Protein backbone atom coordinates (compact mmCIF):
# COMPACT_ATOMS: atom_id res chain seq x y z
CA MET A 1 177.41 67.03 74.99
CA PHE A 2 177.82 66.41 71.18
CA HIS A 3 180.45 63.68 72.20
CA VAL A 4 177.79 61.65 73.96
CA LEU A 5 175.43 62.05 70.63
CA LYS A 6 178.22 60.82 68.71
CA TRP A 7 178.70 57.83 70.74
CA LEU A 8 175.05 57.13 70.85
CA ARG A 9 175.16 57.41 67.11
CA ARG A 10 177.77 54.95 66.70
CA ILE A 11 175.93 52.62 69.08
CA THR A 12 172.58 52.66 67.14
CA ARG A 13 174.42 52.39 63.76
CA ALA A 14 176.02 49.28 64.94
CA LEU A 15 172.72 47.88 66.30
CA GLY A 16 170.94 49.13 63.01
CA TYR A 17 173.45 46.50 61.25
CA VAL A 18 172.57 44.00 63.80
CA ALA A 19 168.85 44.73 62.88
CA GLY A 20 169.42 44.43 59.48
CA ALA A 21 171.20 41.20 59.84
CA LEU A 22 168.17 39.73 61.97
CA ILE A 23 165.76 40.60 59.44
CA ILE A 24 167.72 39.01 56.63
CA ALA A 25 168.09 36.06 59.06
CA SER A 26 164.32 36.05 59.33
CA ALA A 27 163.75 36.35 55.61
CA LEU A 28 166.01 33.34 55.10
CA VAL A 29 164.22 31.18 57.60
CA MET A 30 161.10 31.86 55.83
CA LEU A 31 162.79 31.02 52.33
CA TYR A 32 163.99 27.98 54.07
CA ASP A 33 160.30 26.74 55.12
CA VAL A 34 158.95 27.83 52.02
CA VAL A 35 161.46 25.35 50.22
CA LEU A 36 160.63 22.59 52.78
CA ARG A 37 156.90 23.22 52.51
CA TYR A 38 156.50 23.30 48.74
CA VAL A 39 159.75 21.50 47.40
CA PHE A 40 159.63 18.70 50.10
CA ASN A 41 156.29 18.69 51.30
CA SER A 42 157.69 18.83 54.93
CA PRO A 43 157.23 22.18 56.57
CA SER A 44 159.62 22.93 59.67
CA LEU A 45 157.82 23.28 62.87
CA ILE A 46 160.06 25.97 64.24
CA ALA A 47 160.67 28.35 61.27
CA PRO A 48 157.72 30.46 61.94
CA PHE A 49 158.44 31.10 65.45
CA LEU A 50 162.15 31.72 64.87
CA ALA A 51 161.64 34.18 62.00
CA ALA A 52 159.04 35.95 64.22
CA PHE A 53 161.53 36.21 67.13
CA LEU A 54 164.32 37.40 64.72
CA MET A 55 161.95 40.14 63.29
CA MET A 56 160.96 41.44 66.52
CA GLY A 57 164.49 41.57 67.59
CA GLY A 58 165.30 43.54 64.25
CA ILE A 59 162.46 45.80 64.72
CA PHE A 60 163.25 46.97 68.34
CA LEU A 61 166.84 46.99 67.81
CA GLY A 62 166.71 49.04 64.77
CA THR A 63 164.11 51.90 65.74
CA ALA A 64 166.67 54.18 67.35
CA HIS A 65 168.87 53.95 64.11
CA ALA A 66 165.95 54.62 61.98
CA LEU A 67 164.82 57.62 64.01
CA ASP A 68 168.87 58.92 63.94
CA PHE A 69 169.32 58.60 60.32
CA GLY A 70 165.85 59.68 58.96
CA GLY A 71 164.25 56.46 58.24
CA HIS A 72 161.09 56.80 60.02
CA VAL A 73 158.06 58.15 58.15
CA ASN A 74 157.18 61.57 58.87
CA VAL A 75 155.19 64.43 57.39
CA ASP A 76 156.80 67.60 57.75
CA ILE A 77 154.77 69.91 55.48
CA LEU A 78 153.67 72.20 58.42
CA ILE A 79 157.02 72.23 59.85
CA THR A 80 158.67 73.24 56.49
CA LYS A 81 156.15 76.26 56.25
CA LEU A 82 156.66 77.63 59.74
CA LYS A 83 159.20 80.15 60.63
CA PRO A 84 162.21 78.58 62.77
CA LEU A 85 160.98 79.31 66.17
CA PRO A 86 157.45 77.93 65.53
CA GLY A 87 158.84 74.95 63.69
CA LYS A 88 160.96 74.15 66.69
CA ILE A 89 158.17 74.26 69.18
CA CYS A 90 156.15 71.91 67.04
CA MET A 91 159.04 69.48 66.88
CA THR A 92 159.75 69.89 70.50
CA ILE A 93 156.11 68.95 70.97
CA GLY A 94 156.18 65.95 68.79
CA TYR A 95 159.36 64.65 70.24
CA ALA A 96 158.29 65.17 73.90
CA LEU A 97 155.04 63.42 73.12
CA SER A 98 157.01 60.48 71.70
CA LEU A 99 159.27 60.71 74.59
CA VAL A 100 156.66 60.23 77.14
CA PHE A 101 155.30 57.29 75.13
CA VAL A 102 158.45 55.49 74.46
CA TYR A 103 159.20 56.17 78.41
CA PHE A 104 156.16 53.97 79.12
CA LEU A 105 156.89 51.50 76.58
CA THR A 106 160.34 50.98 77.86
CA ARG A 107 159.13 50.87 81.54
CA ALA A 108 156.52 47.96 80.52
CA CYS A 109 159.33 45.97 78.53
CA TYR A 110 161.72 46.30 81.90
CA ASP A 111 158.68 45.04 83.97
CA TRP A 112 158.42 42.10 81.56
CA VAL A 113 162.00 41.15 81.66
CA LEU A 114 161.48 40.82 85.46
CA ILE A 115 158.47 39.02 85.31
CA ALA A 116 159.96 36.70 82.77
CA ALA A 117 163.05 36.30 84.71
CA ASP A 118 161.21 35.70 88.07
CA ARG A 119 158.68 33.05 86.46
CA GLY A 120 160.92 31.62 84.00
CA LEU A 121 158.51 32.17 81.25
CA ARG A 122 159.16 30.34 77.97
CA ALA A 123 157.47 31.23 74.35
CA VAL A 124 154.39 29.08 73.72
CA GLY A 125 154.80 27.00 70.33
CA GLN A 126 157.22 24.65 68.87
CA LEU A 127 159.94 27.09 69.84
CA PRO A 128 159.75 27.32 73.92
CA MET A 129 162.70 29.82 74.33
CA PRO A 130 162.98 31.83 77.43
CA MET A 131 161.01 34.99 77.00
CA VAL A 132 163.38 36.90 78.99
CA TYR A 133 165.77 37.16 75.66
CA LEU A 134 162.86 38.60 73.70
CA TYR A 135 161.66 41.21 76.43
CA GLY A 136 165.46 42.10 76.97
CA VAL A 137 165.69 42.99 73.23
CA MET A 138 162.63 44.96 73.59
CA PHE A 139 163.78 46.66 76.82
CA VAL A 140 167.18 47.63 75.11
CA GLY A 141 165.71 48.70 71.68
CA THR A 142 162.91 50.91 73.49
CA ALA A 143 165.59 52.46 75.73
CA LEU A 144 167.88 53.22 72.88
CA LEU A 145 164.92 54.92 71.21
CA MET A 146 164.24 56.77 74.21
CA LEU A 147 167.71 58.25 74.26
CA SER A 148 167.79 58.92 70.46
CA LEU A 149 164.62 61.03 70.91
CA ALA A 150 166.02 62.84 73.86
CA ALA A 151 169.14 63.52 71.66
CA LYS A 152 166.65 64.64 68.88
CA LEU A 153 165.00 66.96 71.41
CA PHE A 154 168.31 68.22 72.30
CA GLU A 155 169.33 68.78 68.73
CA VAL A 156 166.21 70.88 67.84
CA TRP A 157 167.49 73.85 70.23
CA TYR A 158 171.27 73.29 70.34
CA LYS A 159 172.46 71.97 67.04
CA LYS A 160 173.55 74.70 64.62
CA GLU A 161 171.23 75.27 61.49
CA GLY A 162 172.32 73.62 58.27
CA LYS A 163 174.13 70.71 59.97
CA SER A 164 172.90 67.20 59.65
């Protein structure tokens, strides 16, 4: 089972790098738009749309990596004050509730992928790209987040103490 967790971590790490690259690309696109807007007085029509799509891709592909490597904001003052068993129970409840939420989010993203593919939906605005791509990235990101949450839930009970 721990082999599967290692592979999951490798996949989320790789997608974490992809997410970082997408966020950097989004920032560069916005910098390009700022230069066009204020230096040449000619704003780009597609830059804000492209930057938003790149940012969304980065966010959804990076969430599983952030969870796996401790990048999410959390307040664990209660957990650290509890004894090991009640702490594990609290963490289990938190991960289980998150898992239920992410399951429904993943299912909704999957439904939107099917709807966008079936109807040929395109983005509104100056960059009418097929929405199946964005919804597909959202589905992949939430599915990986769901797997990472399940792995965290498994690690709460089966990982040896003191190991990261």
